[in-house]
Amino acid sequence: MVKVGEHRYVNVRRRSLCDNCVAEVCFRRDERKNLRVVECDLFKPQFVAFKRCRQCSSVYEVFSNFNALDFELCPECNERMKRGAP
């Protein structure tokens, strides 16, 4: 669960991007059924939710960060944290 407002939370599934997608027509869903998808140009989230990064203050879309170690950080800061860079 990711807090996106004072009383609002979003359940972001981490297994695959397809688990968070609501695209009605997806030609890849069947071929990717048992694969972990981390990028897709057809991805459509349930709704759009934005957060401000705790570290760099940039604004990012919550579902673009589904693979994060820390949901309070933007994707770029999460990548830096994975690599061990400050």
PDB file of N, CA and C in Angstrom:
ATOM      1  N   MET A   1       0.842  -1.175   0.000  1.00  0.00           N
ATOM      2  CA  MET A   1       0.000   0.000   0.000  1.00  0.00           C
ATOM      3  C   MET A   1       0.892   1.245   0.000  1.00  0.00           C
ATOM      4  N   VAL A   2       0.555   2.173  -0.861  1.00  0.00           N
ATOM      5  CA  VAL A   2       1.299   3.417  -0.974  1.00  0.00           C
ATOM      6  C   VAL A   2       0.359   4.557  -0.619  1.00  0.00           C
ATOM      7  N   LYS A   3       0.767   5.383   0.327  1.00  0.00           N
ATOM      8  CA  LYS A   3      -0.046   6.525   0.730  1.00  0.00           C
ATOM      9  C   LYS A   3       0.114   7.626  -0.303  1.00  0.00           C
ATOM     10  N   VAL A   4      -0.993   8.068  -0.907  1.00  0.00           N
ATOM     11  CA  VAL A   4      -0.943   9.119  -1.927  1.00  0.00           C
ATOM     12  C   VAL A   4      -1.727  10.364  -1.522  1.00  0.00           C
ATOM     13  N   GLY A   5      -2.315  10.349  -0.365  1.00  0.00           N
ATOM     14  CA  GLY A   5      -3.059  11.493   0.150  1.00  0.00           C
ATOM     15  C   GLY A   5      -3.236  11.326   1.642  1.00  0.00           C
ATOM     16  N   GLU A   6      -3.878  12.292   2.264  1.00  0.00           N
ATOM     17  CA  GLU A   6      -4.029  12.227   3.715  1.00  0.00           C
ATOM     18  C   GLU A   6      -4.769  10.964   4.154  1.00  0.00           C
ATOM     19  N   HIS A   7      -5.830  10.606   3.427  1.00  0.00           N
ATOM     20  CA  HIS A   7      -6.618   9.426   3.766  1.00  0.00           C
ATOM     21  C   HIS A   7      -6.765   8.495   2.571  1.00  0.00           C
ATOM     22  N   ARG A   8      -5.821   8.512   1.661  1.00  0.00           N
ATOM     23  CA  ARG A   8      -5.949   7.731   0.427  1.00  0.00           C
ATOM     24  C   ARG A   8      -4.701   6.878   0.201  1.00  0.00           C
ATOM     25  N   TYR A   9      -4.941   5.599  -0.057  1.00  0.00           N
ATOM     26  CA  TYR A   9      -3.858   4.656  -0.315  1.00  0.00           C
ATOM     27  C   TYR A   9      -4.099   3.944  -1.637  1.00  0.00           C
ATOM     28  N   VAL A  10      -3.016   3.525  -2.277  1.00  0.00           N
ATOM     29  CA  VAL A  10      -3.087   2.789  -3.536  1.00  0.00           C
ATOM     30  C   VAL A  10      -2.391   1.454  -3.329  1.00  0.00           C
ATOM     31  N   ASN A  11      -3.033   0.392  -3.756  1.00  0.00           N
ATOM     32  CA  ASN A  11      -2.424  -0.932  -3.682  1.00  0.00           C
ATOM     33  C   ASN A  11      -1.670  -1.179  -4.989  1.00  0.00           C
ATOM     34  N   VAL A  12      -0.347  -1.141  -4.933  1.00  0.00           N
ATOM     35  CA  VAL A  12       0.486  -1.350  -6.114  1.00  0.00           C
ATOM     36  C   VAL A  12       1.025  -2.773  -6.056  1.00  0.00           C
ATOM     37  N   ARG A  13       0.657  -3.571  -7.039  1.00  0.00           N
ATOM     38  CA  ARG A  13       1.145  -4.949  -7.098  1.00  0.00           C
ATOM     39  C   ARG A  13       2.538  -4.963  -7.711  1.00  0.00           C
ATOM     40  N   ARG A  14       3.453  -5.669  -7.081  1.00  0.00           N
ATOM     41  CA  ARG A  14       4.859  -5.630  -7.479  1.00  0.00           C
ATOM     42  C   ARG A  14       5.272  -6.785  -8.380  1.00  0.00           C
ATOM     43  N   ARG A  15       4.429  -7.794  -8.589  1.00  0.00           N
ATOM     44  CA  ARG A  15       4.829  -8.954  -9.378  1.00  0.00           C
ATOM     45  C   ARG A  15       5.112  -8.586 -10.819  1.00  0.00           C
ATOM     46  N   SER A  16       4.203  -7.836 -11.439  1.00  0.00           N
ATOM     47  CA  SER A  16       4.356  -7.467 -12.839  1.00  0.00           C
ATOM     48  C   SER A  16       3.571  -6.194 -13.120  1.00  0.00           C
ATOM     49  N   LEU A  17       4.022  -5.435 -14.105  1.00  0.00           N
ATOM     50  CA  LEU A  17       3.306  -4.232 -14.509  1.00  0.00           C
ATOM     51  C   LEU A  17       1.907  -4.588 -15.008  1.00  0.00           C
ATOM     52  N   CYS A  18       1.761  -5.762 -15.600  1.00  0.00           N
ATOM     53  CA  CYS A  18       0.460  -6.209 -16.110  1.00  0.00           C
ATOM     54  C   CYS A  18      -0.580  -6.333 -14.997  1.00  0.00           C
ATOM     55  N   ASP A  19      -0.151  -6.615 -13.769  1.00  0.00           N
ATOM     56  CA  ASP A  19      -1.081  -6.723 -12.642  1.00  0.00           C
ATOM     57  C   ASP A  19      -1.716  -5.390 -12.291  1.00  0.00           C
ATOM     58  N   ASN A  20      -1.089  -4.278 -12.684  1.00  0.00           N
ATOM     59  CA  ASN A  20      -1.596  -2.938 -12.388  1.00  0.00           C
ATOM     60  C   ASN A  20      -2.241  -2.283 -13.608  1.00  0.00           C
ATOM     61  N   CYS A  21      -2.362  -3.019 -14.687  1.00  0.00           N
ATOM     62  CA  CYS A  21      -2.838  -2.460 -15.951  1.00  0.00           C
ATOM     63  C   CYS A  21      -4.321  -2.746 -16.162  1.00  0.00           C
ATOM     64  N   VAL A  22      -5.024  -1.770 -16.731  1.00  0.00           N
ATOM     65  CA  VAL A  22      -6.444  -1.947 -17.022  1.00  0.00           C
ATOM     66  C   VAL A  22      -6.737  -1.768 -18.512  1.00  0.00           C
ATOM     67  N   ALA A  23      -5.733  -1.931 -19.341  1.00  0.00           N
ATOM     68  CA  ALA A  23      -5.941  -1.799 -20.789  1.00  0.00           C
ATOM     69  C   ALA A  23      -6.941  -2.855 -21.242  1.00  0.00           C
ATOM     70  N   GLU A  24      -7.966  -2.420 -21.944  1.00  0.00           N
ATOM     71  CA  GLU A  24      -8.990  -3.356 -22.407  1.00  0.00           C
ATOM     72  C   GLU A  24      -8.477  -4.268 -23.506  1.00  0.00           C
ATOM     73  N   VAL A  25      -7.655  -3.726 -24.362  1.00  0.00           N
ATOM     74  CA  VAL A  25      -7.085  -4.511 -25.446  1.00  0.00           C
ATOM     75  C   VAL A  25      -5.577  -4.584 -25.235  1.00  0.00           C
ATOM     76  N   CYS A  26      -5.112  -5.791 -24.937  1.00  0.00           N
ATOM     77  CA  CYS A  26      -3.679  -5.989 -24.755  1.00  0.00           C
ATOM     78  C   CYS A  26      -3.283  -7.218 -25.561  1.00  0.00           C
ATOM     79  N   PHE A  27      -2.493  -6.984 -26.576  1.00  0.00           N
ATOM     80  CA  PHE A  27      -2.076  -8.084 -27.446  1.00  0.00           C
ATOM     81  C   PHE A  27      -0.947  -8.890 -26.817  1.00  0.00           C
ATOM     82  N   ARG A  28      -0.366  -8.369 -25.775  1.00  0.00           N
ATOM     83  CA  ARG A  28       0.789  -9.030 -25.168  1.00  0.00           C
ATOM     84  C   ARG A  28       0.445  -9.799 -23.907  1.00  0.00           C
ATOM     85  N   ARG A  29      -0.731  -9.621 -23.366  1.00  0.00           N
ATOM     86  CA  ARG A  29      -1.083 -10.232 -22.081  1.00  0.00           C
ATOM     87  C   ARG A  29      -0.959 -11.753 -22.124  1.00  0.00           C
ATOM     88  N   ASP A  30      -1.437 -12.383 -23.191  1.00  0.00           N
ATOM     89  CA  ASP A  30      -1.365 -13.840 -23.265  1.00  0.00           C
ATOM     90  C   ASP A  30       0.063 -14.344 -23.433  1.00  0.00           C
ATOM     91  N   GLU A  31       0.846 -13.655 -24.241  1.00  0.00           N
ATOM     92  CA  GLU A  31       2.224 -14.099 -24.462  1.00  0.00           C
ATOM     93  C   GLU A  31       3.121 -13.825 -23.267  1.00  0.00           C
ATOM     94  N   ARG A  32       2.726 -12.902 -22.394  1.00  0.00           N
ATOM     95  CA  ARG A  32       3.525 -12.546 -21.212  1.00  0.00           C
ATOM     96  C   ARG A  32       2.916 -13.081 -19.927  1.00  0.00           C
ATOM     97  N   LYS A  33       2.032 -14.022 -20.031  1.00  0.00           N
ATOM     98  CA  LYS A  33       1.250 -14.477 -18.883  1.00  0.00           C
ATOM     99  C   LYS A  33       2.118 -14.871 -17.681  1.00  0.00           C
ATOM    100  N   ASN A  34       3.184 -15.588 -17.897  1.00  0.00           N
ATOM    101  CA  ASN A  34       4.015 -16.053 -16.786  1.00  0.00           C
ATOM    102  C   ASN A  34       5.332 -15.298 -16.677  1.00  0.00           C
ATOM    103  N   LEU A  35       5.447 -14.163 -17.364  1.00  0.00           N
ATOM    104  CA  LEU A  35       6.666 -13.371 -17.324  1.00  0.00           C
ATOM    105  C   LEU A  35       6.481 -12.144 -16.442  1.00  0.00           C
ATOM    106  N   ARG A  36       7.560 -11.661 -15.882  1.00  0.00           N
ATOM    107  CA  ARG A  36       7.520 -10.427 -15.091  1.00  0.00           C
ATOM    108  C   ARG A  36       7.788  -9.251 -16.017  1.00  0.00           C
ATOM    109  N   VAL A  37       6.785  -8.436 -16.257  1.00  0.00           N
ATOM    110  CA  VAL A  37       6.890  -7.293 -17.153  1.00  0.00           C
ATOM    111  C   VAL A  37       7.212  -6.052 -16.328  1.00  0.00           C
ATOM    112  N   VAL A  38       8.293  -5.349 -16.696  1.00  0.00           N
ATOM    113  CA  VAL A  38       8.671  -4.127 -15.976  1.00  0.00           C
ATOM    114  C   VAL A  38       8.553  -2.885 -16.853  1.00  0.00           C
ATOM    115  N   GLU A  39       8.388  -3.065 -18.165  1.00  0.00           N
ATOM    116  CA  GLU A  39       8.170  -1.955 -19.091  1.00  0.00           C
ATOM    117  C   GLU A  39       7.172  -2.367 -20.151  1.00  0.00           C
ATOM    118  N   CYS A  40       6.265  -1.453 -20.483  1.00  0.00           N
ATOM    119  CA  CYS A  40       5.283  -1.729 -21.534  1.00  0.00           C
ATOM    120  C   CYS A  40       4.759  -0.401 -22.073  1.00  0.00           C
ATOM    121  N   ASP A  41       4.809  -0.231 -23.382  1.00  0.00           N
ATOM    122  CA  ASP A  41       4.328   1.012 -23.984  1.00  0.00           C
ATOM    123  C   ASP A  41       2.802   1.066 -24.049  1.00  0.00           C
ATOM    124  N   LEU A  42       2.114  -0.046 -23.775  1.00  0.00           N
ATOM    125  CA  LEU A  42       0.651  -0.084 -23.773  1.00  0.00           C
ATOM    126  C   LEU A  42       0.060   0.024 -22.366  1.00  0.00           C
ATOM    127  N   PHE A  43       0.903   0.210 -21.349  1.00  0.00           N
ATOM    128  CA  PHE A  43       0.448   0.233 -19.958  1.00  0.00           C
ATOM    129  C   PHE A  43      -0.534   1.369 -19.691  1.00  0.00           C
ATOM    130  N   LYS A  44      -1.650   1.029 -19.037  1.00  0.00           N
ATOM    131  CA  LYS A  44      -2.656   2.009 -18.625  1.00  0.00           C
ATOM    132  C   LYS A  44      -2.989   1.738 -17.153  1.00  0.00           C
ATOM    133  N   PRO A  45      -2.619   2.655 -16.248  1.00  0.00           N
ATOM    134  CA  PRO A  45      -2.930   2.442 -14.827  1.00  0.00           C
ATOM    135  C   PRO A  45      -4.417   2.625 -14.550  1.00  0.00           C
ATOM    136  N   GLN A  46      -4.851   2.146 -13.397  1.00  0.00           N
ATOM    137  CA  GLN A  46      -6.253   2.281 -12.993  1.00  0.00           C
ATOM    138  C   GLN A  46      -6.657   3.746 -12.913  1.00  0.00           C
ATOM    139  N   PHE A  47      -5.776   4.555 -12.402  1.00  0.00           N
ATOM    140  CA  PHE A  47      -5.941   6.003 -12.315  1.00  0.00           C
ATOM    141  C   PHE A  47      -4.557   6.601 -12.145  1.00  0.00           C
ATOM    142  N   VAL A  48      -4.448   7.895 -12.216  1.00  0.00           N
ATOM    143  CA  VAL A  48      -3.154   8.552 -12.102  1.00  0.00           C
ATOM    144  C   VAL A  48      -3.020   9.131 -10.696  1.00  0.00           C
ATOM    145  N   ALA A  49      -1.922   8.776 -10.032  1.00  0.00           N
ATOM    146  CA  ALA A  49      -1.646   9.299  -8.695  1.00  0.00           C
ATOM    147  C   ALA A  49      -0.191   9.767  -8.665  1.00  0.00           C
ATOM    148  N   PHE A  50       0.028  10.942  -8.132  1.00  0.00           N
ATOM    149  CA  PHE A  50       1.366  11.519  -8.083  1.00  0.00           C
ATOM    150  C   PHE A  50       1.843  11.659  -6.645  1.00  0.00           C
ATOM    151  N   LYS A  51       3.149  11.558  -6.468  1.00  0.00           N
ATOM    152  CA  LYS A  51       3.780  11.772  -5.165  1.00  0.00           C
ATOM    153  C   LYS A  51       5.002  12.656  -5.362  1.00  0.00           C
ATOM    154  N   ARG A  52       5.438  13.277  -4.277  1.00  0.00           N
ATOM    155  CA  ARG A  52       6.670  14.071  -4.292  1.00  0.00           C
ATOM    156  C   ARG A  52       7.753  13.231  -3.627  1.00  0.00           C
ATOM    157  N   CYS A  53       8.899  13.149  -4.283  1.00  0.00           N
ATOM    158  CA  CYS A  53      10.024  12.358  -3.788  1.00  0.00           C
ATOM    159  C   CYS A  53      10.546  12.941  -2.478  1.00  0.00           C
ATOM    160  N   ARG A  54      10.752  12.089  -1.501  1.00  0.00           N
ATOM    161  CA  ARG A  54      11.246  12.505  -0.196  1.00  0.00           C
ATOM    162  C   ARG A  54      12.676  13.043  -0.270  1.00  0.00           C
ATOM    163  N   GLN A  55      13.456  12.548  -1.227  1.00  0.00           N
ATOM    164  CA  GLN A  55      14.864  12.920  -1.290  1.00  0.00           C
ATOM    165  C   GLN A  55      15.134  14.125  -2.197  1.00  0.00           C
ATOM    166  N   CYS A  56      14.609  14.103  -3.442  1.00  0.00           N
ATOM    167  CA  CYS A  56      14.948  15.186  -4.390  1.00  0.00           C
ATOM    168  C   CYS A  56      13.781  16.138  -4.672  1.00  0.00           C
ATOM    169  N   SER A  57      12.605  15.862  -4.127  1.00  0.00           N
ATOM    170  CA  SER A  57      11.399  16.700  -4.258  1.00  0.00           C
ATOM    171  C   SER A  57      10.799  16.723  -5.656  1.00  0.00           C
ATOM    172  N   SER A  58      11.227  15.839  -6.551  1.00  0.00           N
ATOM    173  CA  SER A  58      10.584  15.781  -7.871  1.00  0.00           C
ATOM    174  C   SER A  58       9.247  15.041  -7.744  1.00  0.00           C
ATOM    175  N   VAL A  59       8.340  15.328  -8.650  1.00  0.00           N
ATOM    176  CA  VAL A  59       7.027  14.696  -8.642  1.00  0.00           C
ATOM    177  C   VAL A  59       7.055  13.537  -9.630  1.00  0.00           C
ATOM    178  N   TYR A  60       6.550  12.383  -9.197  1.00  0.00           N
ATOM    179  CA  TYR A  60       6.541  11.192 -10.060  1.00  0.00           C
ATOM    180  C   TYR A  60       5.187  10.501  -9.966  1.00  0.00           C
ATOM    181  N   GLU A  61       4.880   9.711 -10.972  1.00  0.00           N
ATOM    182  CA  GLU A  61       3.636   8.949 -11.023  1.00  0.00           C
ATOM    183  C   GLU A  61       3.848   7.641 -10.266  1.00  0.00           C
ATOM    184  N   VAL A  62       2.947   7.302  -9.368  1.00  0.00           N
ATOM    185  CA  VAL A  62       3.109   6.170  -8.458  1.00  0.00           C
ATOM    186  C   VAL A  62       3.287   4.844  -9.197  1.00  0.00           C
ATOM    187  N   PHE A  63       2.493   4.586 -10.234  1.00  0.00           N
ATOM    188  CA  PHE A  63       2.563   3.298 -10.918  1.00  0.00           C
ATOM    189  C   PHE A  63       3.830   3.155 -11.749  1.00  0.00           C
ATOM    190  N   SER A  64       4.516   4.254 -12.070  1.00  0.00           N
ATOM    191  CA  SER A  64       5.785   4.151 -12.783  1.00  0.00           C
ATOM    192  C   SER A  64       6.882   3.656 -11.853  1.00  0.00           C
ATOM    193  N   ASN A  65       6.583   3.599 -10.586  1.00  0.00           N
ATOM    194  CA  ASN A  65       7.549   3.256  -9.553  1.00  0.00           C
ATOM    195  C   ASN A  65       7.196   1.928  -8.888  1.00  0.00           C
ATOM    196  N   PHE A  66       6.490   1.041  -9.600  1.00  0.00           N
ATOM    197  CA  PHE A  66       5.986  -0.179  -8.968  1.00  0.00           C
ATOM    198  C   PHE A  66       7.097  -1.121  -8.530  1.00  0.00           C
ATOM    199  N   ASN A  67       8.262  -0.999  -9.095  1.00  0.00           N
ATOM    200  CA  ASN A  67       9.383  -1.895  -8.824  1.00  0.00           C
ATOM    201  C   ASN A  67      10.318  -1.327  -7.751  1.00  0.00           C
ATOM    202  N   ALA A  68       9.878  -0.328  -7.025  1.00  0.00           N
ATOM    203  CA  ALA A  68      10.730   0.418  -6.104  1.00  0.00           C
ATOM    204  C   ALA A  68      11.029  -0.346  -4.820  1.00  0.00           C
ATOM    205  N   LEU A  69      12.184  -0.048  -4.251  1.00  0.00           N
ATOM    206  CA  LEU A  69      12.506  -0.544  -2.916  1.00  0.00           C
ATOM    207  C   LEU A  69      11.836   0.327  -1.860  1.00  0.00           C
ATOM    208  N   ASP A  70      11.726   1.621  -2.156  1.00  0.00           N
ATOM    209  CA  ASP A  70      11.118   2.581  -1.242  1.00  0.00           C
ATOM    210  C   ASP A  70      10.126   3.434  -2.036  1.00  0.00           C
ATOM    211  N   PHE A  71       8.842   3.304  -1.754  1.00  0.00           N
ATOM    212  CA  PHE A  71       7.815   4.021  -2.511  1.00  0.00           C
ATOM    213  C   PHE A  71       7.791   5.516  -2.219  1.00  0.00           C
ATOM    214  N   GLU A  72       8.534   5.969  -1.240  1.00  0.00           N
ATOM    215  CA  GLU A  72       8.610   7.398  -0.940  1.00  0.00           C
ATOM    216  C   GLU A  72       9.636   8.108  -1.827  1.00  0.00           C
ATOM    217  N   LEU A  73      10.410   7.342  -2.600  1.00  0.00           N
ATOM    218  CA  LEU A  73      11.426   7.904  -3.485  1.00  0.00           C
ATOM    219  C   LEU A  73      11.006   7.738  -4.938  1.00  0.00           C
ATOM    220  N   CYS A  74      11.417   8.674  -5.791  1.00  0.00           N
ATOM    221  CA  CYS A  74      11.118   8.609  -7.222  1.00  0.00           C
ATOM    222  C   CYS A  74      11.935   7.475  -7.867  1.00  0.00           C
ATOM    223  N   PRO A  75      11.618   7.079  -9.089  1.00  0.00           N
ATOM    224  CA  PRO A  75      12.369   6.001  -9.747  1.00  0.00           C
ATOM    225  C   PRO A  75      13.869   6.281  -9.850  1.00  0.00           C
ATOM    226  N   GLU A  76      14.259   7.524 -10.113  1.00  0.00           N
ATOM    227  CA  GLU A  76      15.677   7.859 -10.229  1.00  0.00           C
ATOM    228  C   GLU A  76      16.404   7.687  -8.892  1.00  0.00           C
ATOM    229  N   CYS A  77      15.811   8.160  -7.817  1.00  0.00           N
ATOM    230  CA  CYS A  77      16.438   8.013  -6.498  1.00  0.00           C
ATOM    231  C   CYS A  77      16.473   6.547  -6.073  1.00  0.00           C
ATOM    232  N   ASN A  78      15.450   5.786  -6.429  1.00  0.00           N
ATOM    233  CA  ASN A  78      15.469   4.352  -6.152  1.00  0.00           C
ATOM    234  C   ASN A  78      16.612   3.654  -6.885  1.00  0.00           C
ATOM    235  N   GLU A  79      16.851   4.029  -8.133  1.00  0.00           N
ATOM    236  CA  GLU A  79      17.963   3.441  -8.896  1.00  0.00           C
ATOM    237  C   GLU A  79      19.287   3.779  -8.244  1.00  0.00           C
ATOM    238  N   ARG A  80      19.449   5.028  -7.814  1.00  0.00           N
ATOM    239  CA  ARG A  80      20.685   5.423  -7.135  1.00  0.00           C
ATOM    240  C   ARG A  80      20.874   4.627  -5.854  1.00  0.00           C
ATOM    241  N   MET A  81      19.771   4.391  -5.133  1.00  0.00           N
ATOM    242  CA  MET A  81      19.832   3.637  -3.880  1.00  0.00           C
ATOM    243  C   MET A  81      20.226   2.184  -4.169  1.00  0.00           C
ATOM    244  N   LYS A  82      19.707   1.595  -5.251  1.00  0.00           N
ATOM    245  CA  LYS A  82      20.067   0.219  -5.626  1.00  0.00           C
ATOM    246  C   LYS A  82      21.536   0.090  -5.947  1.00  0.00           C
ATOM    247  N   ARG A  83      22.089   1.109  -6.615  1.00  0.00           N
ATOM    248  CA  ARG A  83      23.503   1.092  -6.979  1.00  0.00           C
ATOM    249  C   ARG A  83      24.415   1.469  -5.824  1.00  0.00           C
ATOM    250  N   GLY A  84      23.831   2.010  -4.756  1.00  0.00           N
ATOM    251  CA  GLY A  84      24.618   2.401  -3.600  1.00  0.00           C
ATOM    252  C   GLY A  84      25.183   3.800  -3.681  1.00  0.00           C
ATOM    253  N   ALA A  85      24.753   4.574  -4.692  1.00  0.00           N
ATOM    254  CA  ALA A  85      25.228   5.956  -4.850  1.00  0.00           C
ATOM    255  C   ALA A  85      24.415   6.880  -3.944  1.00  0.00           C
ATOM    256  N   PRO A  86      25.004   7.971  -3.459  1.00  0.00           N
ATOM    257  CA  PRO A  86      24.267   8.913  -2.584  1.00  0.00           C
ATOM    258  C   PRO A  86      23.225   9.704  -3.323  1.00  0.00           C
TER     259      PRO A  86
END
